[in-house]
Amino acid sequence: MQHQPNVFAVFNTNIIEQPQYNKPPRLVYFVSDVMSGLNIEDTNDIDASLCRALQVCGSLQIPYNQHFKKVFRSDGENIIVDWKISSFACYLIVINCNPSNGLVAKAQLHFAINNF
């Protein structure tokens, strides 16, 4: 019988203290652009995904301000509230979106394939 890896072993390690997580992340995306790219326009859906992503940071004791920064942008006529986010925050937001949206499901699959 082959030995199966323990997929839950990672939960017993402190991932955040590993050296690759100690460098400051770059804030490279806007939440509005990510959601637009996924054809998500409902502000309730956007807020729910963002809230869950922030909750993940809180549960892991990751300072959210390292990965999320509230910003104000102009669309030419109005000032809108947006968030500048890191790649990690983008990942958290996408995996917390509703997978019944085909683009979201494809993005979630992309993250799963490229991370496992």
Protein backbone atom coordinates (compact mmCIF):
# COMPACT_ATOMS: atom_id res chain seq x y z
CA MET A 1 0.00 0.00 0.00
CA GLN A 2 1.39 3.39 -1.01
CA HIS A 3 1.78 6.07 1.60
CA GLN A 4 -0.65 8.93 0.97
CA PRO A 5 0.52 12.46 1.78
CA ASN A 6 -1.25 14.11 4.68
CA VAL A 7 -3.01 17.05 3.04
CA PHE A 8 -3.79 18.48 6.46
CA ALA A 9 -0.16 18.56 7.65
CA VAL A 10 0.18 22.08 6.27
CA PHE A 11 -2.44 23.27 8.77
CA ASN A 12 -0.07 22.42 11.62
CA THR A 13 2.74 24.63 10.34
CA ASN A 14 3.02 28.38 10.62
CA ILE A 15 3.17 29.22 6.93
CA ILE A 16 3.24 32.95 7.52
CA GLU A 17 6.59 32.78 9.33
CA GLN A 18 8.37 31.17 6.36
CA PRO A 19 10.96 33.49 4.72
CA GLN A 20 9.13 33.91 1.39
CA TYR A 21 6.19 35.52 3.23
CA ASN A 22 8.30 38.10 5.09
CA LYS A 23 8.87 40.46 2.17
CA PRO A 24 6.34 43.27 1.64
CA PRO A 25 3.86 42.47 -1.13
CA ARG A 26 3.29 44.73 -4.09
CA LEU A 27 -0.20 46.11 -4.52
CA VAL A 28 -0.71 45.57 -8.25
CA TYR A 29 -4.45 45.13 -8.91
CA PHE A 30 -7.64 47.06 -8.34
CA VAL A 31 -10.64 45.13 -7.01
CA SER A 32 -12.88 46.91 -9.53
CA ASP A 33 -10.70 45.68 -12.42
CA VAL A 34 -10.65 42.10 -11.13
CA MET A 35 -14.42 42.05 -10.69
CA SER A 36 -15.00 43.69 -14.05
CA GLY A 37 -12.80 41.05 -15.67
CA LEU A 38 -15.00 38.39 -14.06
CA ASN A 39 -18.20 40.17 -15.20
CA ILE A 40 -19.25 40.80 -11.59
CA GLU A 41 -21.07 44.08 -11.25
CA ASP A 42 -23.32 43.46 -8.24
CA THR A 43 -21.81 45.45 -5.36
CA ASN A 44 -23.22 42.92 -2.85
CA ASP A 45 -21.25 40.11 -4.53
CA ILE A 46 -18.12 42.26 -4.62
CA ASP A 47 -18.49 43.28 -0.98
CA ALA A 48 -19.13 39.67 0.12
CA SER A 49 -16.00 38.36 -1.61
CA LEU A 50 -13.90 41.23 -0.28
CA CYS A 51 -15.25 40.73 3.25
CA ARG A 52 -14.47 36.99 3.21
CA ALA A 53 -10.95 37.69 1.91
CA LEU A 54 -10.39 40.16 4.75
CA GLN A 55 -11.74 37.58 7.23
CA VAL A 56 -9.17 35.06 5.98
CA CYS A 57 -6.42 37.57 6.75
CA GLY A 58 -7.88 38.15 10.19
CA SER A 59 -8.12 34.44 10.94
CA LEU A 60 -4.49 33.93 9.88
CA GLN A 61 -3.34 37.06 11.72
CA ILE A 62 -2.05 38.56 8.49
CA PRO A 63 -2.17 42.36 8.65
CA TYR A 64 -4.73 43.11 5.96
CA ASN A 65 -3.17 46.49 5.23
CA GLN A 66 -0.19 44.67 3.70
CA HIS A 67 -2.47 43.25 0.99
CA PHE A 68 -5.44 45.65 0.81
CA LYS A 69 -5.40 49.44 0.57
CA LYS A 70 -8.56 51.49 0.18
CA VAL A 71 -8.11 54.05 -2.59
CA PHE A 72 -10.22 56.66 -4.31
CA ARG A 73 -10.38 56.75 -8.11
CA SER A 74 -12.08 58.92 -10.65
CA ASP A 75 -14.14 57.50 -13.49
CA GLY A 76 -14.10 60.90 -15.20
CA GLU A 77 -17.30 62.09 -13.54
CA ASN A 78 -17.38 60.57 -10.07
CA ILE A 79 -14.98 59.64 -7.29
CA ILE A 80 -15.30 55.93 -6.55
CA VAL A 81 -13.98 53.88 -3.65
CA ASP A 82 -11.78 50.99 -4.74
CA TRP A 83 -9.12 48.74 -3.28
CA LYS A 84 -5.54 48.29 -4.47
CA ILE A 85 -4.60 44.68 -3.73
CA SER A 86 -1.71 42.23 -3.85
CA SER A 87 -1.65 38.97 -5.81
CA PHE A 88 -2.43 37.14 -2.58
CA ALA A 89 -5.48 39.34 -1.96
CA CYS A 90 -6.59 38.82 -5.57
CA TYR A 91 -6.40 35.07 -5.03
CA LEU A 92 -8.43 35.30 -1.80
CA ILE A 93 -11.09 37.43 -3.47
CA VAL A 94 -11.44 35.17 -6.51
CA ILE A 95 -11.70 31.96 -4.50
CA ASN A 96 -14.43 33.62 -2.44
CA CYS A 97 -16.52 34.62 -5.46
CA ASN A 98 -19.60 32.69 -6.56
CA PRO A 99 -18.51 29.79 -8.81
CA SER A 100 -21.87 29.73 -10.60
CA ASN A 101 -20.33 32.51 -12.72
CA GLY A 102 -18.41 30.65 -15.45
CA LEU A 103 -15.54 33.14 -15.50
CA VAL A 104 -15.16 32.85 -11.73
CA ALA A 105 -15.12 29.06 -11.96
CA LYS A 106 -12.40 29.23 -14.65
CA ALA A 107 -10.35 31.66 -12.53
CA GLN A 108 -10.73 29.39 -9.49
CA LEU A 109 -9.59 26.42 -11.58
CA HIS A 110 -6.62 28.46 -12.84
CA PHE A 111 -5.54 29.19 -9.27
CA ALA A 112 -6.00 25.55 -8.24
CA ILE A 113 -3.97 24.22 -11.17
CA ASN A 114 -1.17 26.72 -10.72
CA ASN A 115 -0.87 26.26 -6.97
CA PHE A 116 -1.15 22.49 -6.52
